[in-house]
Amino acid sequence: MLSATQAPVAKPRLSRKTMAAFGVAAAVGIESAAVLRKGYRPAGDVIVQCRAGHRFTTLWIPGASLKAVRLGFVRFQRCPVARHWSIVKPVRADSLSEEEQASARAVHDRRLP
């Protein structure tokens, strides 16, 4: 019980910016863990495939997207092979032959928007 001369002690609270930073860090961590669990490369130059079956290499950054619209595990971006917009998803490099990997790495989308 508090006496008349004691003031209640306030519990320290985290600011909104700190909470937002924790939320972003948690989202990036969850996305990276899911990508690793599925056997894909988590970041960097990743081989992806559009819905039309074209394979190319793109810069994949967990939690960020400079030239694509993120839709969970897939992204909506421009396919440089056929020059169309499509949903793309990562492809496991070990599921491709050496020739298919070389072909996909030969075509890279734009580095920056």
C-alpha atoms as a PDB file:
ATOM      1  CA  MET A   1       0.000   0.000   0.000  1.00  0.00           C
ATOM      2  CA  LEU A   2       1.263   3.495  -0.826  1.00  0.00           C
ATOM      3  CA  SER A   3       1.626   6.127   1.835  1.00  0.00           C
ATOM      4  CA  ALA A   4       0.582   9.714   1.221  1.00  0.00           C
ATOM      5  CA  THR A   5       4.184  10.758   0.441  1.00  0.00           C
ATOM      6  CA  GLN A   6       5.004   8.010  -2.052  1.00  0.00           C
ATOM      7  CA  ALA A   7       4.211   8.449  -5.717  1.00  0.00           C
ATOM      8  CA  PRO A   8       3.344   5.413  -7.798  1.00  0.00           C
ATOM      9  CA  VAL A   9       6.281   4.148  -9.876  1.00  0.00           C
ATOM     10  CA  ALA A  10       5.522   4.122 -13.607  1.00  0.00           C
ATOM     11  CA  LYS A  11       6.540   1.051 -15.539  1.00  0.00           C
ATOM     12  CA  PRO A  12       8.900   1.834 -18.414  1.00  0.00           C
ATOM     13  CA  ARG A  13       7.104   1.555 -21.771  1.00  0.00           C
ATOM     14  CA  LEU A  14       8.557   1.049 -25.196  1.00  0.00           C
ATOM     15  CA  SER A  15       7.998   3.814 -27.720  1.00  0.00           C
ATOM     16  CA  ARG A  16       5.975   3.250 -30.883  1.00  0.00           C
ATOM     17  CA  LYS A  17       9.143   3.459 -32.977  1.00  0.00           C
ATOM     18  CA  THR A  18      10.792   0.744 -30.900  1.00  0.00           C
ATOM     19  CA  MET A  19       7.713  -1.472 -31.142  1.00  0.00           C
ATOM     20  CA  ALA A  20       7.588  -0.919 -34.923  1.00  0.00           C
ATOM     21  CA  ALA A  21      11.278  -1.826 -35.229  1.00  0.00           C
ATOM     22  CA  PHE A  22      10.673  -5.040 -33.266  1.00  0.00           C
ATOM     23  CA  GLY A  23       7.712  -5.853 -35.529  1.00  0.00           C
ATOM     24  CA  VAL A  24       9.725  -5.348 -38.726  1.00  0.00           C
ATOM     25  CA  ALA A  25      12.630  -7.391 -37.365  1.00  0.00           C
ATOM     26  CA  ALA A  26      10.254 -10.204 -36.381  1.00  0.00           C
ATOM     27  CA  ALA A  27       8.601 -10.197 -39.836  1.00  0.00           C
ATOM     28  CA  VAL A  28      11.975 -10.363 -41.608  1.00  0.00           C
ATOM     29  CA  GLY A  29      13.086 -13.156 -39.294  1.00  0.00           C
ATOM     30  CA  ILE A  30       9.916 -15.152 -39.894  1.00  0.00           C
ATOM     31  CA  GLU A  31      10.180 -14.728 -43.675  1.00  0.00           C
ATOM     32  CA  SER A  32      13.859 -15.750 -43.654  1.00  0.00           C
ATOM     33  CA  ALA A  33      13.133 -18.812 -41.526  1.00  0.00           C
ATOM     34  CA  ALA A  34      10.273 -19.866 -43.823  1.00  0.00           C
ATOM     35  CA  VAL A  35      12.466 -19.465 -46.904  1.00  0.00           C
ATOM     36  CA  LEU A  36      15.251 -21.535 -45.342  1.00  0.00           C
ATOM     37  CA  ARG A  37      12.806 -24.201 -44.167  1.00  0.00           C
ATOM     38  CA  LYS A  38      11.477 -24.601 -47.705  1.00  0.00           C
ATOM     39  CA  GLY A  39      15.025 -25.029 -48.996  1.00  0.00           C
ATOM     40  CA  TYR A  40      15.384 -21.772 -50.902  1.00  0.00           C
ATOM     41  CA  ARG A  41      18.222 -19.312 -50.781  1.00  0.00           C
ATOM     42  CA  PRO A  42      17.168 -16.615 -48.287  1.00  0.00           C
ATOM     43  CA  ALA A  43      18.685 -13.526 -49.911  1.00  0.00           C
ATOM     44  CA  GLY A  44      20.889 -12.205 -52.676  1.00  0.00           C
ATOM     45  CA  ASP A  45      20.730 -13.204 -56.312  1.00  0.00           C
ATOM     46  CA  VAL A  46      18.020 -15.866 -56.405  1.00  0.00           C
ATOM     47  CA  ILE A  47      16.725 -17.861 -59.361  1.00  0.00           C
ATOM     48  CA  VAL A  48      12.991 -17.266 -59.754  1.00  0.00           C
ATOM     49  CA  GLN A  49      10.321 -18.469 -62.154  1.00  0.00           C
ATOM     50  CA  CYS A  50       7.365 -16.522 -63.512  1.00  0.00           C
ATOM     51  CA  ARG A  51       3.961 -18.108 -64.071  1.00  0.00           C
ATOM     52  CA  ALA A  52       4.757 -18.583 -67.769  1.00  0.00           C
ATOM     53  CA  GLY A  53       7.739 -20.774 -66.797  1.00  0.00           C
ATOM     54  CA  HIS A  54      10.542 -18.327 -67.599  1.00  0.00           C
ATOM     55  CA  ARG A  55      13.486 -18.501 -65.209  1.00  0.00           C
ATOM     56  CA  PHE A  56      15.778 -15.596 -64.391  1.00  0.00           C
ATOM     57  CA  THR A  57      17.837 -14.190 -61.548  1.00  0.00           C
ATOM     58  CA  THR A  58      16.644 -11.372 -59.314  1.00  0.00           C
ATOM     59  CA  LEU A  59      17.819  -9.640 -56.178  1.00  0.00           C
ATOM     60  CA  TRP A  60      15.737 -11.074 -53.301  1.00  0.00           C
ATOM     61  CA  ILE A  61      15.838  -9.237 -49.979  1.00  0.00           C
ATOM     62  CA  PRO A  62      13.698 -10.602 -47.121  1.00  0.00           C
ATOM     63  CA  GLY A  63      11.309  -7.980 -45.821  1.00  0.00           C
ATOM     64  CA  ALA A  64      12.077  -5.502 -48.590  1.00  0.00           C
ATOM     65  CA  SER A  65      11.086  -4.995 -52.166  1.00  0.00           C
ATOM     66  CA  LEU A  66      12.376  -2.218 -54.394  1.00  0.00           C
ATOM     67  CA  LYS A  67      11.137  -3.399 -57.782  1.00  0.00           C
ATOM     68  CA  ALA A  68       8.310  -5.774 -56.967  1.00  0.00           C
ATOM     69  CA  VAL A  69       5.097  -6.002 -54.979  1.00  0.00           C
ATOM     70  CA  ARG A  70       5.420  -8.514 -52.154  1.00  0.00           C
ATOM     71  CA  LEU A  71       2.558 -10.989 -51.849  1.00  0.00           C
ATOM     72  CA  GLY A  72       3.694 -13.189 -49.004  1.00  0.00           C
ATOM     73  CA  PHE A  73       6.163 -15.754 -50.320  1.00  0.00           C
ATOM     74  CA  VAL A  74       5.750 -14.678 -53.963  1.00  0.00           C
ATOM     75  CA  ARG A  75       6.225 -11.340 -55.680  1.00  0.00           C
ATOM     76  CA  PHE A  76       4.625  -9.515 -58.570  1.00  0.00           C
ATOM     77  CA  GLN A  77       7.350  -8.151 -60.822  1.00  0.00           C
ATOM     78  CA  ARG A  78       8.467  -7.774 -64.417  1.00  0.00           C
ATOM     79  CA  CYS A  79       9.833 -10.859 -66.181  1.00  0.00           C
ATOM     80  CA  PRO A  80      12.853  -9.780 -68.258  1.00  0.00           C
ATOM     81  CA  VAL A  81      12.702 -12.919 -70.432  1.00  0.00           C
ATOM     82  CA  ALA A  82       9.352 -12.202 -72.111  1.00  0.00           C
ATOM     83  CA  ARG A  83       9.007  -8.601 -70.898  1.00  0.00           C
ATOM     84  CA  HIS A  84       5.695  -9.070 -69.092  1.00  0.00           C
ATOM     85  CA  TRP A  85       4.442  -8.597 -65.525  1.00  0.00           C
ATOM     86  CA  SER A  86       3.853 -11.781 -63.579  1.00  0.00           C
ATOM     87  CA  ILE A  87       3.912 -13.425 -60.179  1.00  0.00           C
ATOM     88  CA  VAL A  88       7.350 -14.913 -59.546  1.00  0.00           C
ATOM     89  CA  LYS A  89       8.506 -17.386 -56.930  1.00  0.00           C
ATOM     90  CA  PRO A  90      11.947 -18.688 -55.958  1.00  0.00           C
ATOM     91  CA  VAL A  91      13.201 -21.931 -57.470  1.00  0.00           C
ATOM     92  CA  ARG A  92      15.450 -24.371 -55.661  1.00  0.00           C
ATOM     93  CA  ALA A  93      18.765 -24.287 -57.489  1.00  0.00           C
ATOM     94  CA  ASP A  94      19.437 -27.946 -56.632  1.00  0.00           C
ATOM     95  CA  SER A  95      16.260 -28.941 -58.511  1.00  0.00           C
ATOM     96  CA  LEU A  96      17.697 -27.520 -61.747  1.00  0.00           C
ATOM     97  CA  SER A  97      20.387 -28.976 -63.982  1.00  0.00           C
ATOM     98  CA  GLU A  98      23.681 -27.119 -64.439  1.00  0.00           C
ATOM     99  CA  GLU A  99      22.475 -25.987 -67.860  1.00  0.00           C
ATOM    100  CA  GLU A 100      19.156 -24.676 -66.492  1.00  0.00           C
ATOM    101  CA  GLN A 101      20.963 -22.823 -63.693  1.00  0.00           C
ATOM    102  CA  ALA A 102      23.388 -21.230 -66.175  1.00  0.00           C
ATOM    103  CA  SER A 103      20.481 -20.222 -68.412  1.00  0.00           C
ATOM    104  CA  ALA A 104      18.617 -18.617 -65.492  1.00  0.00           C
ATOM    105  CA  ARG A 105      21.740 -16.814 -64.260  1.00  0.00           C
ATOM    106  CA  ALA A 106      22.394 -15.443 -67.752  1.00  0.00           C
ATOM    107  CA  VAL A 107      19.194 -13.363 -67.542  1.00  0.00           C
ATOM    108  CA  HIS A 108      19.081 -10.880 -64.664  1.00  0.00           C
ATOM    109  CA  ASP A 109      16.359  -8.335 -64.112  1.00  0.00           C
ATOM    110  CA  ARG A 110      17.275  -4.708 -63.549  1.00  0.00           C
ATOM    111  CA  ARG A 111      19.459  -4.164 -60.518  1.00  0.00           C
ATOM    112  CA  LEU A 112      17.492  -1.161 -59.282  1.00  0.00           C
ATOM    113  CA  PRO A 113      14.193   0.400 -60.322  1.00  0.00           C
END
